Amino acid sequence: MTKGISLKLDLDLLEETEELAKAGGTSRNKYINMAIKSYNKKRRREEMKRLLKIASEKCRDESMQVLNEFERLEDDFDAI
């Protein structure tokens, strides 16, 4: 399914787009679609990286809490 949209581009960007599309043997429309797909993929990866960083930091903090609890238990055992 496709939907037509109106798109305004800077003249220099439009000329470069047309030049690269022609050199690649594709239509301007297909070239723009491919560029948007590529950018969307990049943005999704960046978002995944951000979410993984948050999850990793939470995991690290929780791991440190568990380690501290084990160390306290070990200290209590050694005191016996």
Protein backbone atom coordinates (compact mmCIF):
# COMPACT_ATOMS: atom_id res chain seq x y z
CA MET A 1 0.00 0.00 0.00
CA THR A 2 1.28 3.45 -0.83
CA LYS A 3 0.12 6.96 -0.12
CA GLY A 4 1.09 10.11 -1.93
CA ILE A 5 2.46 13.02 0.06
CA SER A 6 3.70 16.49 -0.71
CA LEU A 7 7.36 17.00 0.12
CA LYS A 8 9.36 20.20 0.03
CA LEU A 9 13.13 19.84 -0.33
CA ASP A 10 15.88 22.41 -0.51
CA LEU A 11 16.85 22.82 -4.15
CA ASP A 12 20.41 21.59 -3.56
CA LEU A 13 19.13 18.48 -1.79
CA LEU A 14 16.62 17.78 -4.55
CA GLU A 15 19.29 18.10 -7.24
CA GLU A 16 21.67 15.81 -5.35
CA THR A 17 18.86 13.30 -4.78
CA GLU A 18 17.93 13.26 -8.45
CA GLU A 19 21.57 12.91 -9.48
CA LEU A 20 22.20 9.98 -7.12
CA ALA A 21 18.93 8.27 -7.99
CA LYS A 22 19.72 8.52 -11.69
CA ALA A 23 23.29 7.25 -11.16
CA GLY A 24 21.88 4.30 -9.22
CA GLY A 25 19.37 3.52 -11.94
CA THR A 26 16.34 4.13 -9.77
CA SER A 27 13.49 6.59 -9.63
CA ARG A 28 13.55 9.60 -7.36
CA ASN A 29 10.53 8.21 -5.51
CA LYS A 30 12.17 4.83 -4.90
CA TYR A 31 15.42 6.53 -3.86
CA ILE A 32 13.60 8.69 -1.30
CA ASN A 33 11.70 5.65 0.01
CA MET A 34 14.97 3.74 0.43
CA ALA A 35 16.58 6.71 2.19
CA ILE A 36 13.69 7.02 4.64
CA LYS A 37 13.75 3.28 5.35
CA SER A 38 17.48 3.48 6.00
CA TYR A 39 17.08 6.45 8.34
CA ASN A 40 14.18 4.76 10.19
CA LYS A 41 16.34 1.67 10.72
CA LYS A 42 19.14 3.84 12.08
CA ARG A 43 16.77 5.61 14.47
CA ARG A 44 15.32 2.28 15.70
CA ARG A 45 18.86 1.03 16.38
CA GLU A 46 19.68 4.20 18.30
CA GLU A 47 16.53 3.78 20.40
CA MET A 48 17.36 0.12 21.07
CA LYS A 49 20.87 1.13 22.11
CA ARG A 50 19.44 3.72 24.49
CA LEU A 51 17.03 1.19 26.04
CA LEU A 52 19.76 -1.45 26.35
CA LYS A 53 22.00 1.06 28.11
CA ILE A 54 19.25 1.81 30.64
CA ALA A 55 18.60 -1.92 31.20
CA SER A 56 22.33 -2.58 31.55
CA GLU A 57 22.71 0.16 34.16
CA LYS A 58 19.76 -1.24 36.15
CA CYS A 59 21.24 -4.73 35.97
CA ARG A 60 24.63 -3.43 37.08
CA ASP A 61 23.10 -1.61 40.05
CA GLU A 62 21.08 -4.66 41.09
CA SER A 63 24.13 -6.90 40.73
CA MET A 64 26.10 -4.62 43.01
CA GLN A 65 23.31 -4.79 45.61
CA VAL A 66 23.35 -8.59 45.50
CA LEU A 67 27.15 -8.62 45.78
CA ASN A 68 26.98 -6.33 48.82
CA GLU A 69 24.38 -8.61 50.45
CA PHE A 70 26.60 -11.65 49.89
CA GLU A 71 29.58 -9.82 51.33
CA ARG A 72 27.56 -8.93 54.45
CA LEU A 73 26.50 -12.56 54.82
CA GLU A 74 30.12 -13.67 54.43
CA ASP A 75 31.22 -11.12 57.06
CA ASP A 76 28.48 -12.35 59.42
CA PHE A 77 29.58 -15.98 58.86
CA ASP A 78 33.23 -15.09 59.50
CA ALA A 79 32.24 -13.40 62.78
CA ILE A 80 30.84 -16.68 64.12
